[in-house]
């Protein structure tokens, strides 16, 4: 009974109820007004028609357009207004302007070393073009003088993170989508408290939506009382607004400017299998030490600045400020960010570039496979060209409806020669690409619409580093615990599930 009452009075339920009430009032009001006044019915219908025209004229992904055009036309009285409230991916001008101005201010700190770019161009012009794209459109230079180590599963990341946090002398920056009290977070918090007492500057950003079910209301006050500077990204309020779509899905830790972690792992117990939710949780992260950490430091400080408005002295957080000696060198490392506010789908373009330019193989880990026509076409074409394309997805789902759509994409890929495997022990949350023994990506970006279009994300592009081969080795080991999916498996689905899946696929860009 106690658990039930706790759930019923949780912030998630209260917020959900308030939003439901607003939606109900809105629908009831429009319905009654349109019934009573014919001209209002005509007006609402006209709004829907103009909304459809606007949707079709935008540069949005065609799948996203279709997912909105259908409901708007099916229910013209409500559809247009609903799109105006929830459909537009454009947030308020004030929010966009604030973020854009900070990016412009900080661009002077992200200058590409042309000698490094020339080295890569002499070795592989095709990859150099991809590097140039990320530098020009993602303001993400590529670096040498950096070593990387691939960390999987989450337990390995957790031990490495604690070890490096204890070494902090000047500052610790942490930015995470989900934090939950438990073995993992409590252990980290204990270290952070110790570091605060030692005079280390500790800052933390967590996403309010991501932590809606996992942290108590106003948890940031508890952290601030401990001396930890804490901000909540895009605080979720029970009000119908498009800005609530833009979440901070990044997972970044920066220590003294020269050491950083990123990847798919949040700070909650399921990520280290301390608790079991969907079978064994398989995840991945990467540690960076050296010059390339600068990109992740800038990303964090940018997020901090446009969340609270405080000006930053970026120079004092550079990698070499708190590091004596010369950084080791291991290939080329390019951390990059992706913002939903710049009309540039950096995360998807990185994936497309790797797929389109692969010669021998592409191995992909992803928890979701809800992809648009561009990614499907690229994967199919790569396989048809003789490239070995293998994708690993979860066998035990975290969201049944998302998993249905993921599985619905299997058949068309398998028919073209793509091999699909499911991780039978449980849920694979890793977001990794590895190709041709020389290119790899570890990051936060899922192969779904929310990651690719709506969230703040980040990743690390790797070229000829030891970690590229570590990703490959881990992938091949993971395959041993996977089941290959065949066309026969795809055809065994019940007709009722096929019908539900067909509907879900249409609206998958909105999930």
Protein backbone atom coordinates (compact mmCIF):
# COMPACT_ATOMS: atom_id res chain seq x y z
CA UNK A 1 0.00 0.00 0.00
CA UNK A 2 2.87 2.34 0.87
CA UNK A 3 4.51 1.82 -2.54
CA UNK A 4 1.20 2.50 -4.29
CA UNK A 5 0.66 5.76 -2.38
CA UNK A 6 4.26 6.80 -3.07
CA UNK A 7 3.71 6.17 -6.79
CA UNK A 8 0.37 8.00 -6.86
CA UNK A 9 1.87 11.06 -5.19
CA UNK A 10 5.11 10.97 -7.17
CA UNK A 11 6.12 13.96 -9.24
CA UNK A 12 5.76 11.94 -12.45
CA UNK A 13 2.11 11.06 -11.76
CA UNK A 14 1.22 14.57 -10.60
CA UNK A 15 2.86 16.18 -13.64
CA UNK A 16 1.24 13.64 -15.96
CA UNK A 17 -2.17 14.28 -14.40
CA UNK A 18 -1.82 18.05 -14.75
CA UNK A 19 -0.87 17.71 -18.43
CA UNK A 20 -3.78 15.32 -19.00
CA UNK A 21 -6.17 17.83 -17.41
CA UNK A 22 -4.85 20.60 -19.66
CA UNK A 23 -5.24 18.42 -22.74
CA UNK A 24 -8.76 17.42 -21.73
CA UNK A 25 -9.81 21.03 -21.13
CA UNK A 26 -8.29 22.07 -24.45
CA UNK A 27 -10.01 19.31 -26.41
CA UNK A 28 -13.36 19.82 -24.65
CA UNK A 29 -13.24 23.60 -25.20
CA UNK A 30 -12.42 23.31 -28.90
CA UNK A 31 -15.05 20.63 -29.39
CA UNK A 32 -17.81 22.60 -27.64
CA UNK A 33 -16.91 25.87 -29.34
CA UNK A 34 -16.82 24.26 -32.78
CA UNK A 35 -20.20 22.63 -32.10
CA UNK A 36 -21.78 25.88 -30.98
CA UNK A 37 -20.20 28.24 -33.48
CA UNK A 38 -19.88 27.13 -37.10
CA UNK A 39 -17.37 29.87 -37.90
CA UNK A 40 -15.03 28.52 -35.18
CA UNK A 41 -15.26 25.04 -36.69
CA UNK A 42 -14.28 26.56 -40.03
CA UNK A 43 -11.50 28.54 -38.35
CA UNK A 44 -10.02 25.49 -36.59
CA UNK A 45 -10.22 23.46 -39.80
CA UNK A 46 -8.52 26.27 -41.71
CA UNK A 47 -5.73 26.30 -39.10
CA UNK A 48 -5.26 22.58 -39.72
CA UNK A 49 -5.09 23.09 -43.48
CA UNK A 50 -2.48 25.81 -43.09
CA UNK A 51 -0.62 23.60 -40.61
CA UNK A 52 -0.45 20.81 -43.20
CA UNK A 53 0.82 23.22 -45.85
CA UNK A 54 3.43 24.50 -43.40
CA UNK A 55 4.50 20.98 -42.38
CA UNK A 56 5.01 19.96 -46.00
CA UNK A 57 7.03 23.11 -46.73
CA UNK A 58 9.50 22.62 -43.87
CA UNK A 59 12.93 21.01 -44.17
CA UNK A 60 12.00 18.41 -41.54
CA UNK A 61 12.53 14.72 -42.17
CA UNK A 62 9.75 13.33 -44.46
CA UNK A 63 8.88 10.65 -41.89
CA UNK A 64 8.39 13.32 -39.24
CA UNK A 65 6.15 15.28 -41.61
CA UNK A 66 4.01 12.23 -42.38
CA UNK A 67 3.63 11.41 -38.69
CA UNK A 68 2.01 14.83 -38.19
CA UNK A 69 0.10 15.26 -41.44
CA UNK A 70 -1.98 12.12 -40.85
CA UNK A 71 -3.41 13.05 -37.41
CA UNK A 72 -3.92 16.68 -38.45
CA UNK A 73 -6.00 15.58 -41.45
CA UNK A 74 -7.83 12.85 -39.53
CA UNK A 75 -8.96 15.27 -36.82
CA UNK A 76 -8.88 18.71 -38.48
CA UNK A 77 -10.73 20.41 -35.63
CA UNK A 78 -7.94 19.65 -33.14
CA UNK A 79 -5.02 18.67 -35.36
CA UNK A 80 -3.74 22.09 -36.38
CA UNK A 81 -3.73 23.48 -32.85
CA UNK A 82 -2.06 20.33 -31.53
CA UNK A 83 0.71 20.70 -34.09
CA UNK A 84 1.24 24.33 -33.09
CA UNK A 85 1.58 23.20 -29.46
CA UNK A 86 3.66 20.05 -29.86
CA UNK A 87 4.69 19.51 -33.44
CA UNK A 88 7.05 22.28 -34.35
CA UNK A 89 10.66 21.40 -33.56
CA UNK A 90 11.48 25.08 -33.27
CA UNK A 91 11.65 26.33 -29.70
CA UNK A 92 11.21 29.91 -28.53
CA UNK A 93 13.34 32.53 -30.24
CA UNK A 94 14.74 33.60 -26.89
CA UNK A 95 15.99 30.10 -26.04
CA UNK A 96 17.45 29.52 -29.52
CA UNK A 97 19.09 32.91 -29.53
CA UNK A 98 20.70 32.38 -26.13
CA UNK A 99 22.18 29.04 -27.18
CA UNK A 100 23.29 30.36 -30.58
CA UNK A 101 25.04 33.37 -29.06
CA UNK A 102 27.00 31.19 -26.65
CA UNK A 103 28.09 28.91 -29.49
CA UNK A 104 29.29 31.95 -31.43
CA UNK A 105 31.15 33.31 -28.41
CA UNK A 106 32.97 30.03 -27.83
CA UNK A 107 33.85 29.25 -31.45
CA UNK A 108 37.17 31.08 -30.99
CA UNK A 109 38.20 28.38 -28.52
CA UNK A 110 37.63 25.57 -31.02
CA UNK A 111 40.18 26.16 -33.76
CA UNK A 112 41.32 23.24 -35.88
CA UNK A 113 45.06 22.55 -36.07
CA UNK A 114 45.55 22.46 -39.84
CA UNK A 115 48.71 20.36 -39.55
CA UNK A 116 46.67 17.53 -38.00
CA UNK A 117 44.03 17.82 -40.72
CA UNK A 118 46.73 17.71 -43.41
CA UNK A 119 48.19 14.56 -41.84
CA UNK A 120 44.83 12.82 -42.00
CA UNK A 121 44.22 14.01 -45.56
CA UNK A 122 47.48 12.46 -46.73
CA UNK A 123 46.47 9.18 -45.08
CA UNK A 124 42.76 9.07 -46.03
CA UNK A 125 41.13 11.96 -47.89
CA UNK A 126 37.66 10.45 -47.50
CA UNK A 127 37.91 10.42 -43.71
CA UNK A 128 39.49 13.88 -43.75
CA UNK A 129 36.31 15.13 -45.43
CA UNK A 130 34.24 13.75 -42.57
CA UNK A 131 36.57 15.42 -40.07
CA UNK A 132 36.21 18.68 -41.97
CA UNK A 133 32.41 18.40 -41.86
CA UNK A 134 32.41 17.99 -38.07
CA UNK A 135 34.80 20.89 -37.68
CA UNK A 136 32.87 23.23 -39.98
CA UNK A 137 29.32 22.36 -38.96
CA UNK A 138 29.75 20.94 -35.46
CA UNK A 139 32.61 23.22 -34.33
CA UNK A 140 34.50 20.13 -33.21
CA UNK A 141 38.23 20.02 -34.04
CA UNK A 142 40.09 16.72 -34.22
CA UNK A 143 43.13 16.14 -32.03
CA UNK A 144 46.27 14.08 -31.56
CA UNK A 145 48.06 13.91 -28.19
CA UNK A 146 45.16 11.95 -26.71
CA UNK A 147 44.82 8.38 -25.54
CA UNK A 148 41.50 6.57 -25.31
CA UNK A 149 40.28 3.40 -23.68
CA UNK A 150 36.99 1.66 -24.41
CA UNK A 151 35.03 0.66 -21.32
CA UNK A 152 32.32 -2.00 -21.39
CA UNK A 153 30.16 -3.05 -19.61
CA UNK A 154 29.04 -0.40 -17.11
CA UNK A 155 30.80 -2.06 -14.19
CA UNK A 156 34.16 -1.39 -15.85
CA UNK A 157 33.25 2.24 -16.46
CA UNK A 158 32.11 2.65 -12.84
CA UNK A 159 35.39 1.45 -11.36
CA UNK A 160 37.45 3.58 -13.76
CA UNK A 161 35.28 6.65 -13.06
CA UNK A 162 35.68 6.37 -9.29
CA UNK A 163 39.43 5.95 -9.65
CA UNK A 164 39.78 9.08 -11.79
CA UNK A 165 37.39 11.17 -9.67
CA UNK A 166 39.57 10.50 -6.62
CA UNK A 167 42.55 11.98 -8.52
CA UNK A 168 40.82 15.34 -9.15
CA UNK A 169 42.82 18.35 -7.95
CA UNK A 170 41.05 21.39 -9.42
CA UNK A 171 37.61 20.64 -10.80
CA UNK A 172 35.03 18.02 -11.76
CA UNK A 173 32.28 18.66 -14.32
CA UNK A 174 29.44 16.13 -14.69
CA UNK A 175 26.47 16.29 -17.09
CA UNK A 176 23.99 13.38 -17.14
CA UNK A 177 20.52 12.60 -18.45
CA UNK A 178 19.61 10.25 -15.58
CA UNK A 179 20.82 10.14 -11.98
CA UNK A 180 19.23 7.86 -9.41
CA UNK A 181 20.01 7.35 -5.76
CA UNK A 182 21.52 3.93 -5.17
CA UNK A 183 24.85 2.09 -5.03
CA UNK A 184 26.30 3.81 -8.09
CA UNK A 185 25.29 7.41 -7.47
CA UNK A 186 25.75 7.26 -3.70
CA UNK A 187 29.34 6.02 -4.17
CA UNK A 188 30.06 8.83 -6.64
CA UNK A 189 28.38 11.43 -4.42
CA UNK A 190 30.55 10.37 -1.50
CA UNK A 191 33.67 11.04 -3.59
CA UNK A 192 32.29 14.39 -4.79
CA UNK A 193 31.65 15.47 -1.20
CA UNK A 194 35.22 14.55 -0.26
CA UNK A 195 36.54 16.55 -3.19
CA UNK A 196 34.48 19.61 -2.27
CA UNK A 197 36.06 19.51 1.20
CA UNK A 198 39.50 19.39 -0.47
CA UNK A 199 38.68 22.60 -2.36
CA UNK A 200 37.91 20.99 -5.73
CA UNK A 201 35.26 22.82 -7.77
CA UNK A 202 32.44 20.36 -8.45
CA UNK A 203 29.65 21.15 -10.92
CA UNK A 204 26.74 18.94 -11.95
CA UNK A 205 24.00 19.28 -14.57
CA UNK A 206 21.15 16.78 -14.72
CA UNK A 207 18.18 16.70 -17.04
CA UNK A 208 14.89 17.29 -15.28
CA UNK A 209 12.82 15.02 -17.54
CA UNK A 210 15.41 12.26 -17.37
CA UNK A 211 15.34 12.39 -13.58
CA UNK A 212 11.59 12.91 -13.21
CA UNK A 213 11.12 9.39 -11.82
CA UNK A 214 14.54 8.94 -10.26
CA UNK A 215 15.29 11.98 -8.08
CA UNK A 216 13.25 13.75 -5.40
CA UNK A 217 11.74 17.14 -6.18
CA UNK A 218 14.33 19.95 -5.84
CA UNK A 219 17.15 17.47 -5.36
CA UNK A 220 19.55 20.17 -6.53
CA UNK A 221 19.02 21.98 -3.21
CA UNK A 222 20.41 18.96 -1.34
CA UNK A 223 23.51 18.93 -3.57
CA UNK A 224 24.06 22.66 -3.25
CA UNK A 225 23.94 22.30 0.52
CA UNK A 226 26.88 19.88 0.19
CA UNK A 227 28.90 22.47 -1.73
CA UNK A 228 28.24 21.02 -5.18
CA UNK A 229 27.25 23.56 -7.82
CA UNK A 230 24.19 22.04 -9.44
CA UNK A 231 21.87 23.06 -12.29
CA UNK A 232 18.77 21.39 -13.66
CA UNK A 233 18.58 21.41 -17.46
CA UNK A 234 15.31 22.63 -18.98
CA UNK A 235 13.17 22.19 -15.82
CA UNK A 236 10.04 20.27 -16.66
CA UNK A 237 6.83 22.09 -15.87
CA UNK A 238 3.31 20.68 -16.33
CA UNK A 239 2.55 23.09 -19.15
CA UNK A 240 1.94 22.27 -22.81
CA UNK A 241 5.08 23.50 -24.54
CA UNK A 242 7.28 22.37 -27.43
CA UNK A 243 10.47 23.33 -25.53
CA UNK A 244 9.91 20.33 -23.25
CA UNK A 245 10.94 18.10 -26.19
CA UNK A 246 14.54 19.29 -26.08
CA UNK A 247 16.29 17.24 -23.43
CA UNK A 248 19.95 16.99 -22.42
CA UNK A 249 20.73 13.35 -23.25
CA UNK A 250 24.50 13.81 -22.88
CA UNK A 251 26.68 11.85 -20.44
CA UNK A 252 29.91 13.72 -19.76
CA UNK A 253 32.45 13.79 -16.95
CA UNK A 254 35.48 16.09 -17.17
CA UNK A 255 38.25 15.99 -14.56
CA UNK A 256 40.84 18.79 -14.37
CA UNK A 257 40.48 19.39 -18.11
CA UNK A 258 42.73 16.51 -19.15
CA UNK A 259 40.56 13.45 -18.39
CA UNK A 260 37.00 12.80 -19.57
CA UNK A 261 34.37 10.07 -19.85
CA UNK A 262 31.40 9.79 -22.19
CA UNK A 263 29.16 7.12 -23.67
CA UNK A 264 25.78 5.56 -23.03
CA UNK A 265 26.04 5.06 -19.27
CA UNK A 266 23.92 7.09 -16.87
CA UNK A 267 24.44 7.20 -13.10
CA UNK A 268 21.88 4.64 -11.96
CA UNK A 269 22.15 1.08 -10.66
CA UNK A 270 20.76 -0.79 -13.69
CA UNK A 271 23.70 0.53 -15.75
CA UNK A 272 26.12 -1.47 -13.59
CA UNK A 273 23.76 -4.45 -13.08
CA UNK A 274 23.41 -3.68 -9.39
CA UNK A 275 19.68 -4.09 -10.00
CA UNK A 276 18.04 -6.07 -12.81
CA UNK A 277 15.32 -4.40 -14.86
CA UNK A 278 15.57 -5.90 -18.36
CA UNK A 279 17.98 -8.79 -17.93
CA UNK A 280 21.72 -8.11 -18.14
CA UNK A 281 22.41 -4.47 -19.05
CA UNK A 282 25.19 -4.14 -21.63
CA UNK A 283 26.52 -0.62 -22.08
CA UNK A 284 29.62 1.20 -23.27
CA UNK A 285 31.71 4.23 -22.45
CA UNK A 286 35.11 5.66 -23.31
CA UNK A 287 37.78 7.49 -21.33
CA UNK A 288 39.89 10.20 -22.96
CA UNK A 289 43.12 11.68 -21.64
CA UNK A 290 44.74 14.56 -23.49
CA UNK A 291 44.03 17.46 -25.83
CA UNK A 292 40.70 16.12 -27.14
CA UNK A 293 39.10 16.51 -23.70
CA UNK A 294 38.85 20.23 -24.53
CA UNK A 295 35.83 19.70 -26.80
CA UNK A 296 33.90 17.99 -23.99
CA UNK A 297 34.92 20.70 -21.51
CA UNK A 298 33.57 23.36 -23.86
CA UNK A 299 30.31 21.40 -24.32
CA UNK A 300 29.78 21.27 -20.57
CA UNK A 301 30.58 24.96 -20.03
CA UNK A 302 28.29 25.95 -22.91
CA UNK A 303 25.44 23.98 -21.34
CA UNK A 304 26.19 25.54 -17.96
CA UNK A 305 26.20 29.05 -19.41
CA UNK A 306 22.94 28.82 -21.35
CA UNK A 307 21.25 27.08 -18.40
CA UNK A 308 22.14 29.72 -15.77
CA UNK A 309 23.36 32.70 -17.81
CA UNK A 310 26.71 33.02 -16.02
CA UNK A 311 29.71 34.08 -18.10
CA UNK A 312 32.63 31.63 -18.11
CA UNK A 313 36.39 32.04 -18.25
CA UNK A 314 37.00 29.15 -20.65
CA UNK A 315 40.76 29.61 -20.78
CA UNK A 316 41.36 28.45 -17.21
CA UNK A 317 39.87 25.01 -17.93
CA UNK A 318 42.16 24.01 -20.81
CA UNK A 319 43.71 20.49 -20.75
CA UNK A 320 47.32 21.53 -20.16
CA UNK A 321 46.57 23.97 -17.30
CA UNK A 322 46.44 21.23 -14.66
CA UNK A 323 48.68 18.66 -16.32
CA UNK A 324 52.46 18.46 -16.21
CA UNK A 325 54.30 16.98 -19.16
CA UNK A 326 53.21 15.95 -22.63
CA UNK A 327 50.09 13.95 -23.40
CA UNK A 328 50.51 10.51 -24.95
CA UNK A 329 49.47 10.02 -28.56
CA UNK A 330 47.23 7.29 -29.92
CA UNK A 331 45.62 8.04 -33.27
CA UNK A 332 43.13 10.86 -33.79
CA UNK A 333 40.19 11.78 -31.55
CA UNK A 334 37.26 14.10 -32.36
CA UNK A 335 34.62 14.58 -29.65
CA UNK A 336 31.51 16.29 -31.06
CA UNK A 337 28.17 17.58 -29.88
CA UNK A 338 24.76 17.68 -31.51
CA UNK A 339 22.15 20.34 -30.79
CA UNK A 340 18.48 20.29 -31.84
CA UNK A 341 18.58 24.07 -32.26
CA UNK A 342 21.03 24.48 -35.15
CA UNK A 343 19.12 22.69 -37.94
CA UNK A 344 22.13 20.43 -38.50
CA UNK A 345 21.65 16.73 -37.74
CA UNK A 346 25.29 16.13 -36.88
CA UNK A 347 24.74 12.79 -35.16
CA UNK A 348 22.92 11.27 -38.12
CA UNK A 349 25.42 12.64 -40.65
CA UNK A 350 28.33 11.09 -38.74
CA UNK A 351 26.58 7.71 -38.91
CA UNK A 352 25.70 8.15 -42.60
CA UNK A 353 29.29 9.09 -43.48
CA UNK A 354 30.65 5.97 -41.80
CA UNK A 355 28.07 3.72 -43.48
CA UNK A 356 28.51 5.23 -46.93
CA UNK A 357 32.30 5.11 -46.86
CA UNK A 358 32.79 1.66 -45.31
CA UNK A 359 34.79 -0.80 -47.41
CA UNK A 360 34.88 -4.05 -45.43
CA UNK A 361 32.51 -3.97 -42.47
CA UNK A 362 30.31 -1.88 -40.16
CA UNK A 363 29.39 -3.22 -36.71
CA UNK A 364 26.68 -1.32 -34.82
CA UNK A 365 25.32 -1.54 -31.28
CA UNK A 366 22.08 0.34 -30.68
CA UNK A 367 19.23 -0.02 -28.17
CA UNK A 368 16.70 1.25 -30.72
CA UNK A 369 16.47 0.92 -34.49
CA UNK A 370 13.83 3.48 -35.37
CA UNK A 371 15.46 4.93 -38.44
CA UNK A 372 14.44 7.18 -41.30
CA UNK A 373 14.63 6.39 -45.00
CA UNK A 374 18.12 7.88 -45.31
CA UNK A 375 19.67 5.52 -42.77
CA UNK A 376 17.72 2.49 -44.04
CA UNK A 377 18.82 3.21 -47.62
CA UNK A 378 22.45 3.69 -46.58
CA UNK A 379 22.53 0.43 -44.59
CA UNK A 380 20.84 -1.52 -47.37
CA UNK A 381 23.14 -0.11 -50.04
CA UNK A 382 26.26 -0.84 -47.99
CA UNK A 383 25.18 -4.47 -47.59
CA UNK A 384 24.32 -4.76 -51.30
CA UNK A 385 27.78 -3.40 -52.13
CA UNK A 386 29.34 -6.31 -50.24
CA UNK A 387 30.11 -4.55 -46.95
CA UNK A 388 29.46 -6.74 -43.93
CA UNK A 389 26.82 -4.88 -41.93
CA UNK A 390 25.90 -6.29 -38.51
CA UNK A 391 23.56 -4.60 -36.06
CA UNK A 392 22.99 -5.73 -32.47
CA UNK A 393 19.80 -4.68 -30.66
CA UNK A 394 18.24 -5.78 -27.34
CA UNK A 395 16.29 -9.01 -26.93
CA UNK A 396 14.57 -7.83 -23.75
CA UNK A 397 12.97 -4.45 -24.35
CA UNK A 398 12.65 -1.48 -22.03
CA UNK A 399 9.63 -0.10 -23.93
CA UNK A 400 7.42 -2.66 -25.72
CA UNK A 401 6.10 -0.24 -28.34
CA UNK A 402 9.59 1.01 -29.25
CA UNK A 403 10.82 -2.57 -29.52
CA UNK A 404 7.95 -3.43 -31.87
CA UNK A 405 9.03 -0.63 -34.22
CA UNK A 406 12.69 -1.69 -33.93
CA UNK A 407 11.77 -5.24 -34.96
CA UNK A 408 9.55 -3.92 -37.75
CA UNK A 409 12.66 -2.55 -39.47
CA UNK A 410 14.46 -5.90 -39.46
CA UNK A 411 12.93 -7.50 -42.56
CA UNK A 412 13.80 -4.79 -45.09
CA UNK A 413 17.39 -4.70 -43.81
CA UNK A 414 17.81 -8.48 -43.73
CA UNK A 415 16.46 -8.76 -47.28
CA UNK A 416 19.30 -6.49 -48.44
CA UNK A 417 21.95 -8.56 -46.63
CA UNK A 418 22.21 -6.72 -43.31
CA UNK A 419 22.66 -9.13 -40.40
CA UNK A 420 20.56 -8.43 -37.32
CA UNK A 421 21.32 -9.95 -33.91
CA UNK A 422 19.52 -9.58 -30.60
CA UNK A 423 21.41 -9.58 -27.31
CA UNK A 424 19.67 -12.50 -25.63
CA UNK A 425 20.90 -11.98 -22.01
CA UNK A 426 18.98 -8.72 -21.81
CA UNK A 427 19.16 -5.08 -22.87
CA UNK A 428 22.00 -3.55 -24.89
CA UNK A 429 22.20 0.19 -24.33
CA UNK A 430 25.55 0.79 -26.07
CA UNK A 431 25.67 3.27 -28.93
CA UNK A 432 28.77 2.28 -30.89
CA UNK A 433 29.94 2.09 -34.50
CA UNK A 434 33.15 0.46 -35.68
CA UNK A 435 34.28 0.12 -39.28
CA UNK A 436 37.24 -1.26 -41.25
CA UNK A 437 39.56 -1.53 -38.20
CA UNK A 438 40.19 2.22 -38.30
CA UNK A 439 37.00 4.20 -37.55
CA UNK A 440 34.87 4.09 -34.43
CA UNK A 441 32.22 6.05 -32.55
CA UNK A 442 31.22 5.86 -28.90
CA UNK A 443 28.55 8.22 -27.68
CA UNK A 444 25.06 8.95 -26.46
CA UNK A 445 23.25 9.02 -29.81
CA UNK A 446 20.63 6.31 -30.34
CA UNK A 447 19.40 5.37 -33.78
CA UNK A 448 15.98 6.89 -33.16
CA UNK A 449 14.27 10.17 -33.95
CA UNK A 450 14.51 11.71 -30.50
CA UNK A 451 18.29 11.29 -30.33
CA UNK A 452 18.86 12.29 -33.94
CA UNK A 453 16.55 15.31 -34.03
CA UNK A 454 15.33 16.50 -30.61
CA UNK A 455 17.98 16.00 -27.94
CA UNK A 456 21.31 17.55 -27.02
CA UNK A 457 23.74 14.67 -27.64
CA UNK A 458 27.43 13.96 -27.97
CA UNK A 459 29.84 11.37 -29.31
CA UNK A 460 33.52 10.69 -29.95
CA UNK A 461 34.77 9.93 -33.46
CA UNK A 462 37.94 7.80 -33.38
CA UNK A 463 40.48 7.21 -36.14
CA UNK A 464 43.23 4.63 -35.90
CA UNK A 465 43.21 4.52 -32.10
CA UNK A 466 43.71 1.37 -30.04
CA UNK A 467 40.16 1.82 -28.76
CA UNK A 468 38.78 1.20 -32.27
CA UNK A 469 40.07 -2.36 -32.09
CA UNK A 470 38.79 -2.63 -28.50
CA UNK A 471 35.29 -1.75 -29.75
CA UNK A 472 35.57 -4.38 -32.47
CA UNK A 473 36.81 -7.05 -30.06
CA UNK A 474 33.98 -6.33 -27.61
CA UNK A 475 31.42 -6.41 -30.43
CA UNK A 476 32.56 -9.83 -31.64
CA UNK A 477 32.53 -11.15 -28.06
CA UNK A 478 29.01 -9.78 -27.62
CA UNK A 479 27.86 -11.61 -30.76
CA UNK A 480 28.53 -14.91 -29.00
CA UNK A 481 25.70 -14.06 -26.60
CA UNK A 482 23.33 -13.02 -29.39
CA UNK A 483 20.73 -14.70 -31.55
CA UNK A 484 20.68 -13.96 -35.27
CA UNK A 485 17.30 -12.89 -36.60
CA UNK A 486 16.14 -14.42 -39.89
CA UNK A 487 13.39 -13.51 -42.33
CA UNK A 488 11.48 -16.51 -41.02
CA UNK A 489 11.57 -14.98 -37.55
CA UNK A 490 10.24 -11.72 -38.97
CA UNK A 491 7.39 -13.51 -40.72
CA UNK A 492 6.26 -15.36 -37.58
CA UNK A 493 4.73 -12.22 -36.11
CA UNK A 494 0.98 -12.44 -35.38
CA UNK A 495 -1.30 -10.46 -37.69
CA UNK A 496 -2.54 -8.40 -34.72
CA UNK A 497 1.02 -7.36 -33.88
CA UNK A 498 1.65 -6.54 -37.54
CA UNK A 499 -1.36 -4.23 -37.52
CA UNK A 500 -0.22 -2.48 -34.30
CA UNK A 501 3.33 -2.25 -35.64
CA UNK A 502 2.13 -0.69 -38.92
CA UNK A 503 0.42 2.08 -36.96
CA UNK A 504 3.37 2.55 -34.62
CA UNK A 505 5.81 2.83 -37.53
CA UNK A 506 3.85 5.73 -38.97
CA UNK A 507 4.05 7.61 -35.68
CA UNK A 508 7.52 6.42 -34.67
CA UNK A 509 9.09 9.87 -35.32
CA UNK A 510 6.95 11.19 -32.48
CA UNK A 511 8.02 8.56 -29.93
